[in-house]
C-alpha atoms as a PDB file:
ATOM      1  CA  MET A   1      43.309   3.583  37.680  1.00  0.00           C
ATOM      2  CA  SER A   2      44.917   0.361  36.433  1.00  0.00           C
ATOM      3  CA  SER A   3      45.528  -0.402  32.796  1.00  0.00           C
ATOM      4  CA  GLN A   4      43.021  -3.297  33.079  1.00  0.00           C
ATOM      5  CA  ALA A   5      40.323  -0.975  34.318  1.00  0.00           C
ATOM      6  CA  LYS A   6      41.010   1.508  31.529  1.00  0.00           C
ATOM      7  CA  THR A   7      40.664  -1.449  28.980  1.00  0.00           C
ATOM      8  CA  TYR A   8      37.336  -2.462  30.502  1.00  0.00           C
ATOM      9  CA  LEU A   9      36.181   1.199  30.458  1.00  0.00           C
ATOM     10  CA  LYS A  10      37.105   1.591  26.757  1.00  0.00           C
ATOM     11  CA  PHE A  11      35.468  -1.676  25.841  1.00  0.00           C
ATOM     12  CA  GLY A  12      32.248  -0.763  27.762  1.00  0.00           C
ATOM     13  CA  GLY A  13      32.162   2.715  26.130  1.00  0.00           C
ATOM     14  CA  ALA A  14      32.567   1.214  22.622  1.00  0.00           C
ATOM     15  CA  THR A  15      29.843  -1.353  23.352  1.00  0.00           C
ATOM     16  CA  ALA A  16      27.491   1.362  24.624  1.00  0.00           C
ATOM     17  CA  VAL A  17      28.038   3.420  21.476  1.00  0.00           C
ATOM     18  CA  ILE A  18      27.360   0.419  19.238  1.00  0.00           C
ATOM     19  CA  PHE A  19      24.100  -0.371  21.117  1.00  0.00           C
ATOM     20  CA  LEU A  20      22.954   3.268  20.926  1.00  0.00           C
ATOM     21  CA  LEU A  21      23.673   3.312  17.177  1.00  0.00           C
ATOM     22  CA  LEU A  22      21.807   0.053  16.581  1.00  0.00           C
ATOM     23  CA  GLY A  23      18.855   1.326  18.588  1.00  0.00           C
ATOM     24  CA  TYR A  24      18.812   4.566  16.569  1.00  0.00           C
ATOM     25  CA  LEU A  25      18.924   2.692  13.276  1.00  0.00           C
ATOM     26  CA  ALA A  26      16.119   0.349  14.374  1.00  0.00           C
ATOM     27  CA  TYR A  27      14.023   3.290  15.423  1.00  0.00           C
ATOM     28  CA  THR A  28      14.457   5.249  12.215  1.00  0.00           C
ATOM     29  CA  GLY A  29      13.944   2.128  10.170  1.00  0.00           C
ATOM     30  CA  VAL A  30      10.620   1.508  11.775  1.00  0.00           C
ATOM     31  CA  GLN A  31       9.609   5.132  11.389  1.00  0.00           C
ATOM     32  CA  ASP A  32      10.449   5.120   7.681  1.00  0.00           C
ATOM     33  CA  SER A  33       8.666   1.820   6.911  1.00  0.00           C
ATOM     34  CA  LYS A  34       5.357   2.331   8.772  1.00  0.00           C
ATOM     35  CA  SER A  35       2.401   3.760   6.951  1.00  0.00           C
ATOM     36  CA  TYR A  36      -1.076   4.786   8.155  1.00  0.00           C
ATOM     37  CA  TYR A  37      -4.151   3.451   6.398  1.00  0.00           C
ATOM     38  CA  VAL A  38      -6.737   6.204   6.006  1.00  0.00           C
ATOM     39  CA  THR A  39      -9.874   6.699   3.992  1.00  0.00           C
ATOM     40  CA  ILE A  40     -10.156   9.475   1.537  1.00  0.00           C
ATOM     41  CA  LYS A  41     -12.526  11.320   3.847  1.00  0.00           C
ATOM     42  CA  GLU A  42     -10.090  10.956   6.756  1.00  0.00           C
ATOM     43  CA  LEU A  43      -7.240  12.126   4.584  1.00  0.00           C
ATOM     44  CA  HIS A  44      -9.102  15.388   3.726  1.00  0.00           C
ATOM     45  CA  THR A  45      -9.771  16.100   7.466  1.00  0.00           C
ATOM     46  CA  MET A  46      -6.239  15.388   8.740  1.00  0.00           C
ATOM     47  CA  GLY A  47      -4.995  18.882   8.133  1.00  0.00           C
ATOM     48  CA  ASP A  48      -1.250  19.568   8.188  1.00  0.00           C
ATOM     49  CA  SER A  49      -0.452  16.208   9.725  1.00  0.00           C
ATOM     50  CA  ALA A  50      -1.341  14.531   6.401  1.00  0.00           C
ATOM     51  CA  TYR A  51       1.745  16.071   4.693  1.00  0.00           C
ATOM     52  CA  SER A  52       4.337  14.530   6.958  1.00  0.00           C
ATOM     53  CA  LYS A  53       3.210  10.946   7.165  1.00  0.00           C
ATOM     54  CA  ARG A  54       3.465   7.960   4.856  1.00  0.00           C
ATOM     55  CA  LEU A  55      -0.107   6.947   4.011  1.00  0.00           C
ATOM     56  CA  ARG A  56      -2.092   4.210   2.337  1.00  0.00           C
ATOM     57  CA  VAL A  57      -5.429   5.151   0.709  1.00  0.00           C
ATOM     58  CA  ALA A  58      -7.890   2.817  -0.995  1.00  0.00           C
ATOM     59  CA  GLY A  59     -10.781   3.386  -3.318  1.00  0.00           C
ATOM     60  CA  ASN A  60     -12.256   2.534  -6.683  1.00  0.00           C
ATOM     61  CA  VAL A  61     -10.604   3.883  -9.857  1.00  0.00           C
ATOM     62  CA  GLN A  62     -12.906   6.427 -11.487  1.00  0.00           C
ATOM     63  CA  PRO A  63     -13.795   5.332 -15.012  1.00  0.00           C
ATOM     64  CA  GLY A  64     -11.945   7.367 -17.686  1.00  0.00           C
ATOM     65  CA  SER A  65      -9.458   8.948 -15.245  1.00  0.00           C
ATOM     66  CA  ILE A  66      -6.477   6.761 -16.021  1.00  0.00           C
ATOM     67  CA  LYS A  67      -3.673   8.557 -17.903  1.00  0.00           C
ATOM     68  CA  ARG A  68      -0.536   6.436 -18.543  1.00  0.00           C
ATOM     69  CA  THR A  69       2.904   7.476 -19.611  1.00  0.00           C
ATOM     70  CA  GLY A  70       5.220   4.488 -19.240  1.00  0.00           C
ATOM     71  CA  THR A  71       5.302   3.577 -15.552  1.00  0.00           C
ATOM     72  CA  HIS A  72       3.908   6.964 -14.620  1.00  0.00           C
ATOM     73  CA  VAL A  73       0.097   6.967 -14.089  1.00  0.00           C
ATOM     74  CA  GLU A  74      -2.347   9.591 -13.004  1.00  0.00           C
ATOM     75  CA  PHE A  75      -5.884   8.605 -11.918  1.00  0.00           C
ATOM     76  CA  VAL A  76      -8.665   9.446  -9.510  1.00  0.00           C
ATOM     77  CA  LEU A  77      -9.790   7.256  -6.569  1.00  0.00           C
ATOM     78  CA  VAL A  78     -13.359   7.380  -5.516  1.00  0.00           C
ATOM     79  CA  GLU A  79     -14.803   6.365  -2.149  1.00  0.00           C
ATOM     80  CA  GLN A  80     -18.506   7.069  -1.554  1.00  0.00           C
ATOM     81  CA  ASP A  81     -18.769  10.847  -2.336  1.00  0.00           C
ATOM     82  CA  GLN A  82     -15.042  11.610  -1.949  1.00  0.00           C
ATOM     83  CA  ASN A  83     -12.446  11.937  -4.792  1.00  0.00           C
ATOM     84  CA  LEU A  84      -8.669  11.837  -4.661  1.00  0.00           C
ATOM     85  CA  THR A  85      -6.229  12.557  -7.488  1.00  0.00           C
ATOM     86  CA  VAL A  86      -3.304  10.115  -7.446  1.00  0.00           C
ATOM     87  CA  ASP A  87       0.002  10.550  -9.214  1.00  0.00           C
ATOM     88  CA  TYR A  88       1.919   7.198  -9.292  1.00  0.00           C
ATOM     89  CA  THR A  89       5.640   7.349 -10.095  1.00  0.00           C
ATOM     90  CA  GLY A  90       6.791   3.915  -8.989  1.00  0.00           C
ATOM     91  CA  THR A  91       9.518   1.880 -10.616  1.00  0.00           C
ATOM     92  CA  GLU A  92       7.213  -0.844 -11.737  1.00  0.00           C
ATOM     93  CA  ALA A  93       4.308  -0.615 -14.176  1.00  0.00           C
ATOM     94  CA  PRO A  94       0.816  -0.789 -12.561  1.00  0.00           C
ATOM     95  CA  PRO A  95      -0.551  -4.309 -12.286  1.00  0.00           C
ATOM     96  CA  ASP A  96      -2.668  -5.852 -15.057  1.00  0.00           C
ATOM     97  CA  THR A  97      -5.766  -5.671 -12.805  1.00  0.00           C
ATOM     98  CA  PHE A  98      -5.485  -1.880 -12.598  1.00  0.00           C
ATOM     99  CA  LYS A  99      -8.416  -0.777 -14.719  1.00  0.00           C
ATOM    100  CA  ASP A 100     -11.511   1.459 -14.540  1.00  0.00           C
ATOM    101  CA  ASP A 101     -13.755   0.545 -11.561  1.00  0.00           C
ATOM    102  CA  SER A 102     -11.082  -1.729 -10.039  1.00  0.00           C
ATOM    103  CA  GLN A 103     -10.180  -1.428  -6.338  1.00  0.00           C
ATOM    104  CA  ALA A 104      -6.797   0.214  -5.839  1.00  0.00           C
ATOM    105  CA  LEU A 105      -4.542   0.840  -2.871  1.00  0.00           C
ATOM    106  CA  ALA A 106      -2.007   3.645  -3.176  1.00  0.00           C
ATOM    107  CA  ASP A 107       0.979   3.942  -0.798  1.00  0.00           C
ATOM    108  CA  GLY A 108       2.795   7.202  -0.643  1.00  0.00           C
ATOM    109  CA  SER A 109       2.392  10.759   0.656  1.00  0.00           C
ATOM    110  CA  PHE A 110      -0.181  13.578   0.341  1.00  0.00           C
ATOM    111  CA  GLY A 111       1.227  16.750  -1.215  1.00  0.00           C
ATOM    112  CA  ARG A 112       0.279  20.330  -0.450  1.00  0.00           C
ATOM    113  CA  ASP A 113      -0.873  20.534  -4.019  1.00  0.00           C
ATOM    114  CA  GLY A 114      -3.872  18.272  -3.073  1.00  0.00           C
ATOM    115  CA  VAL A 115      -2.483  15.305  -5.053  1.00  0.00           C
ATOM    116  CA  PHE A 116      -1.550  11.940  -3.452  1.00  0.00           C
ATOM    117  CA  HIS A 117       1.932  10.985  -4.680  1.00  0.00           C
ATOM    118  CA  ALA A 118       2.032   7.183  -4.682  1.00  0.00           C
ATOM    119  CA  LYS A 119       5.306   5.162  -4.750  1.00  0.00           C
ATOM    120  CA  GLN A 120       3.478   1.784  -4.671  1.00  0.00           C
ATOM    121  CA  LEU A 121       0.210   0.692  -6.210  1.00  0.00           C
ATOM    122  CA  GLN A 122      -1.918  -2.442  -5.767  1.00  0.00           C
ATOM    123  CA  ALA A 123      -5.067  -3.317  -7.537  1.00  0.00           C
ATOM    124  CA  LYS A 124      -7.580  -6.078  -7.846  1.00  0.00           C
ATOM    125  CA  CYS A 125     -10.185  -6.675 -10.508  1.00  0.00           C
ATOM    126  CA  ALA A 126     -13.632  -6.064  -9.100  1.00  0.00           C
ATOM    127  CA  SER A 127     -15.348  -8.718 -11.251  1.00  0.00           C
ATOM    128  CA  LYS A 128     -12.903 -11.402 -10.194  1.00  0.00           C
ATOM    129  CA  TYR A 129     -13.893 -11.095  -6.558  1.00  0.00           C
ATOM    130  CA  ALA A 130     -17.561 -10.515  -7.100  1.00  0.00           C
ATOM    131  CA  PRO A 131     -20.006 -12.827  -5.285  1.00  0.00           C
ATOM    132  CA  GLN A 132     -21.293 -15.789  -7.301  1.00  0.00           C
ATOM    133  CA  GLN A 133     -24.638 -15.142  -9.000  1.00  0.00           C
ATOM    134  CA  PRO A 134     -27.683 -16.988  -7.489  1.00  0.00           C
ATOM    135  CA  GLY A 135     -28.489 -20.289  -9.225  1.00  0.00           C
ATOM    136  CA  MET A 136     -25.006 -20.618 -10.706  1.00  0.00           C
ATOM    137  CA  GLN A 137     -22.886 -23.593  -9.530  1.00  0.00           C
ATOM    138  CA  GLY A 138     -19.195 -24.058  -9.833  1.00  0.00           C
ATOM    139  CA  ASN A 139     -19.762 -26.693 -12.531  1.00  0.00           C
ATOM    140  CA  PRO A 140     -22.513 -25.519 -14.990  1.00  0.00           C
ATOM    141  CA  THR A 141     -23.022 -28.969 -16.630  1.00  0.00           C
ATOM    142  CA  PRO A 142     -24.079 -31.837 -14.348  1.00  0.00           C
ATOM    143  CA  PRO A 143     -21.912 -34.923 -14.505  1.00  0.00           C
ATOM    144  CA  ALA A 144     -23.114 -37.828 -16.697  1.00  0.00           C
ATOM    145  CA  PRO A 145     -24.838 -40.690 -14.801  1.00  0.00           C
ATOM    146  CA  MET A 146     -22.727 -43.798 -14.207  1.00  0.00           C
ATOM    147  CA  LYS A 147     -23.723 -46.974 -16.046  1.00  0.00           C
ATOM    148  CA  SER A 148     -24.279 -50.146 -14.130  1.00  0.00           C
ATOM    149  CA  THR A 149     -22.234 -53.199 -15.213  1.00  0.00           C
ATOM    150  CA  THR A 150     -24.395 -55.895 -13.559  1.00  0.00           C
END
């Protein structure tokens, strides 16, 4: 085998290793970043597969269940007749809209202790997104009539 062929073989081998490494990193990055959205009822019926996946669970915050200690928050999510205890230990404090009866979305993992361990938390104020009451207009006072100058 000539020295030029050996050089091409080494270059091709190094290129193949780099592509394999990049493919592996891309695959593991996608696996680590994807999360499955499930309802509380679905979470309770998943069995052992619930413990190994990154999950997102939504529900309404049960009134009186919020216990704060700095950025650490424990609360209960309610969806229809299902409850889920959530333990949030993210790096940021919960949003200002995180209150009793607000809708919340927890992103994390379900522990064998029956508690959902959230790393991210999103919330929206239920009253802010409520439908407008019948008979109410965007502007409660009608505009003043324009005067004629003729």
